[in-house]
Amino acid sequence: MDELNGRMMACQILVTGLIARVANEQRDPLRFLTDFRDEIRAVVSGVNIAGMENTEQVRQVAQRTVDELFSLMKPPSTE
């Protein structure tokens, strides 16, 4: 489990770095980050989670993870 958590953290750091790099190349980096975060949150909200009794809990954890990634670059929205 520790190895899996380490790999997940490494992936999160990599994704955060890639997003930040792309954002820095945009004319309006803050707008790009806001739009991209909103798109990712929409995907998490709409994805079909099967095989679990409490899918809403899984969805909430995924939403918090998205917010944590983007909070490294800007505060999460209140939406």
C-alpha atoms as a PDB file:
ATOM      1  CA  MET A   1       0.000   0.000   0.000  1.00  0.00           C
ATOM      2  CA  ASP A   2       2.876   2.401   0.765  1.00  0.00           C
ATOM      3  CA  GLU A   3       4.327   1.782  -2.690  1.00  0.00           C
ATOM      4  CA  LEU A   4       0.960   2.540  -4.306  1.00  0.00           C
ATOM      5  CA  ASN A   5       0.582   5.739  -2.262  1.00  0.00           C
ATOM      6  CA  GLY A   6       4.101   6.812  -3.264  1.00  0.00           C
ATOM      7  CA  ARG A   7       3.353   6.213  -6.910  1.00  0.00           C
ATOM      8  CA  MET A   8       0.089   8.118  -6.680  1.00  0.00           C
ATOM      9  CA  MET A   9       1.866  11.060  -5.056  1.00  0.00           C
ATOM     10  CA  ALA A  10       4.494  10.992  -7.793  1.00  0.00           C
ATOM     11  CA  CYS A  11       1.753  11.039 -10.452  1.00  0.00           C
ATOM     12  CA  GLN A  12       0.011  13.940  -8.715  1.00  0.00           C
ATOM     13  CA  ILE A  13       3.242  15.923  -8.576  1.00  0.00           C
ATOM     14  CA  LEU A  14       3.941  15.180 -12.246  1.00  0.00           C
ATOM     15  CA  VAL A  15       0.445  16.211 -13.320  1.00  0.00           C
ATOM     16  CA  THR A  16       0.613  19.385 -11.229  1.00  0.00           C
ATOM     17  CA  GLY A  17       3.938  20.311 -12.812  1.00  0.00           C
ATOM     18  CA  LEU A  18       2.630  19.685 -16.321  1.00  0.00           C
ATOM     19  CA  ILE A  19      -0.473  21.767 -15.714  1.00  0.00           C
ATOM     20  CA  ALA A  20       1.610  24.602 -14.265  1.00  0.00           C
ATOM     21  CA  ARG A  21       3.969  24.486 -17.233  1.00  0.00           C
ATOM     22  CA  VAL A  22       1.130  24.683 -19.742  1.00  0.00           C
ATOM     23  CA  ALA A  23      -0.542  27.448 -17.726  1.00  0.00           C
ATOM     24  CA  ASN A  24       2.654  29.511 -17.715  1.00  0.00           C
ATOM     25  CA  GLU A  25       2.701  29.439 -21.517  1.00  0.00           C
ATOM     26  CA  GLN A  26      -0.812  30.887 -21.752  1.00  0.00           C
ATOM     27  CA  ARG A  27      -1.588  34.583 -22.074  1.00  0.00           C
ATOM     28  CA  ASP A  28      -3.868  34.382 -19.030  1.00  0.00           C
ATOM     29  CA  PRO A  29      -2.537  31.584 -16.786  1.00  0.00           C
ATOM     30  CA  LEU A  30      -5.077  32.140 -14.028  1.00  0.00           C
ATOM     31  CA  ARG A  31      -8.001  31.878 -16.438  1.00  0.00           C
ATOM     32  CA  PHE A  32      -6.495  28.727 -17.960  1.00  0.00           C
ATOM     33  CA  LEU A  33      -6.148  27.112 -14.514  1.00  0.00           C
ATOM     34  CA  THR A  34      -9.694  28.051 -13.556  1.00  0.00           C
ATOM     35  CA  ASP A  35     -11.169  26.675 -16.779  1.00  0.00           C
ATOM     36  CA  PHE A  36      -9.065  23.507 -16.632  1.00  0.00           C
ATOM     37  CA  ARG A  37      -9.972  22.877 -12.975  1.00  0.00           C
ATOM     38  CA  ASP A  38     -13.657  23.325 -13.768  1.00  0.00           C
ATOM     39  CA  GLU A  39     -13.407  20.851 -16.649  1.00  0.00           C
ATOM     40  CA  ILE A  40     -11.692  18.256 -14.457  1.00  0.00           C
ATOM     41  CA  ARG A  41     -14.286  18.727 -11.703  1.00  0.00           C
ATOM     42  CA  ALA A  42     -17.063  18.240 -14.284  1.00  0.00           C
ATOM     43  CA  VAL A  43     -15.447  14.999 -15.434  1.00  0.00           C
ATOM     44  CA  VAL A  44     -15.189  13.733 -11.847  1.00  0.00           C
ATOM     45  CA  SER A  45     -18.836  14.673 -11.246  1.00  0.00           C
ATOM     46  CA  GLY A  46     -20.019  12.804 -14.327  1.00  0.00           C
ATOM     47  CA  VAL A  47     -17.821   9.718 -14.367  1.00  0.00           C
ATOM     48  CA  ASN A  48     -19.594   6.380 -13.851  1.00  0.00           C
ATOM     49  CA  ILE A  49     -18.264   4.612 -10.747  1.00  0.00           C
ATOM     50  CA  ALA A  50     -19.334   0.985 -10.656  1.00  0.00           C
ATOM     51  CA  GLY A  51     -18.827  -1.876  -8.248  1.00  0.00           C
ATOM     52  CA  MET A  52     -19.121   0.046  -4.987  1.00  0.00           C
ATOM     53  CA  GLU A  53     -21.977   0.660  -2.590  1.00  0.00           C
ATOM     54  CA  ASN A  54     -21.062   4.251  -1.724  1.00  0.00           C
ATOM     55  CA  THR A  55     -19.935   5.850  -4.966  1.00  0.00           C
ATOM     56  CA  GLU A  56     -20.593   9.350  -3.632  1.00  0.00           C
ATOM     57  CA  GLN A  57     -17.796   8.956  -1.086  1.00  0.00           C
ATOM     58  CA  VAL A  58     -15.380   7.946  -3.858  1.00  0.00           C
ATOM     59  CA  ARG A  59     -16.510  10.943  -5.902  1.00  0.00           C
ATOM     60  CA  GLN A  60     -15.969  13.316  -2.959  1.00  0.00           C
ATOM     61  CA  VAL A  61     -12.436  11.989  -2.411  1.00  0.00           C
ATOM     62  CA  ALA A  62     -11.711  12.478  -6.116  1.00  0.00           C
ATOM     63  CA  GLN A  63     -13.057  16.055  -5.976  1.00  0.00           C
ATOM     64  CA  ARG A  64     -10.887  16.820  -2.934  1.00  0.00           C
ATOM     65  CA  THR A  65      -7.866  15.407  -4.754  1.00  0.00           C
ATOM     66  CA  VAL A  66      -8.537  17.686  -7.730  1.00  0.00           C
ATOM     67  CA  ASP A  67      -8.871  20.664  -5.388  1.00  0.00           C
ATOM     68  CA  GLU A  68      -5.619  19.743  -3.634  1.00  0.00           C
ATOM     69  CA  LEU A  69      -3.754  19.571  -6.930  1.00  0.00           C
ATOM     70  CA  PHE A  70      -5.026  22.936  -8.045  1.00  0.00           C
ATOM     71  CA  SER A  71      -4.584  24.521  -4.630  1.00  0.00           C
ATOM     72  CA  LEU A  72      -0.867  24.205  -5.192  1.00  0.00           C
ATOM     73  CA  MET A  73      -1.339  26.771  -7.961  1.00  0.00           C
ATOM     74  CA  LYS A  74      -4.337  28.802  -6.754  1.00  0.00           C
ATOM     75  CA  PRO A  75      -7.010  28.541  -4.056  1.00  0.00           C
ATOM     76  CA  PRO A  76      -9.905  26.155  -4.826  1.00  0.00           C
ATOM     77  CA  SER A  77     -13.219  27.676  -5.795  1.00  0.00           C
ATOM     78  CA  THR A  78     -16.124  27.764  -3.384  1.00  0.00           C
ATOM     79  CA  GLU A  79     -18.415  26.075  -5.935  1.00  0.00           C
END
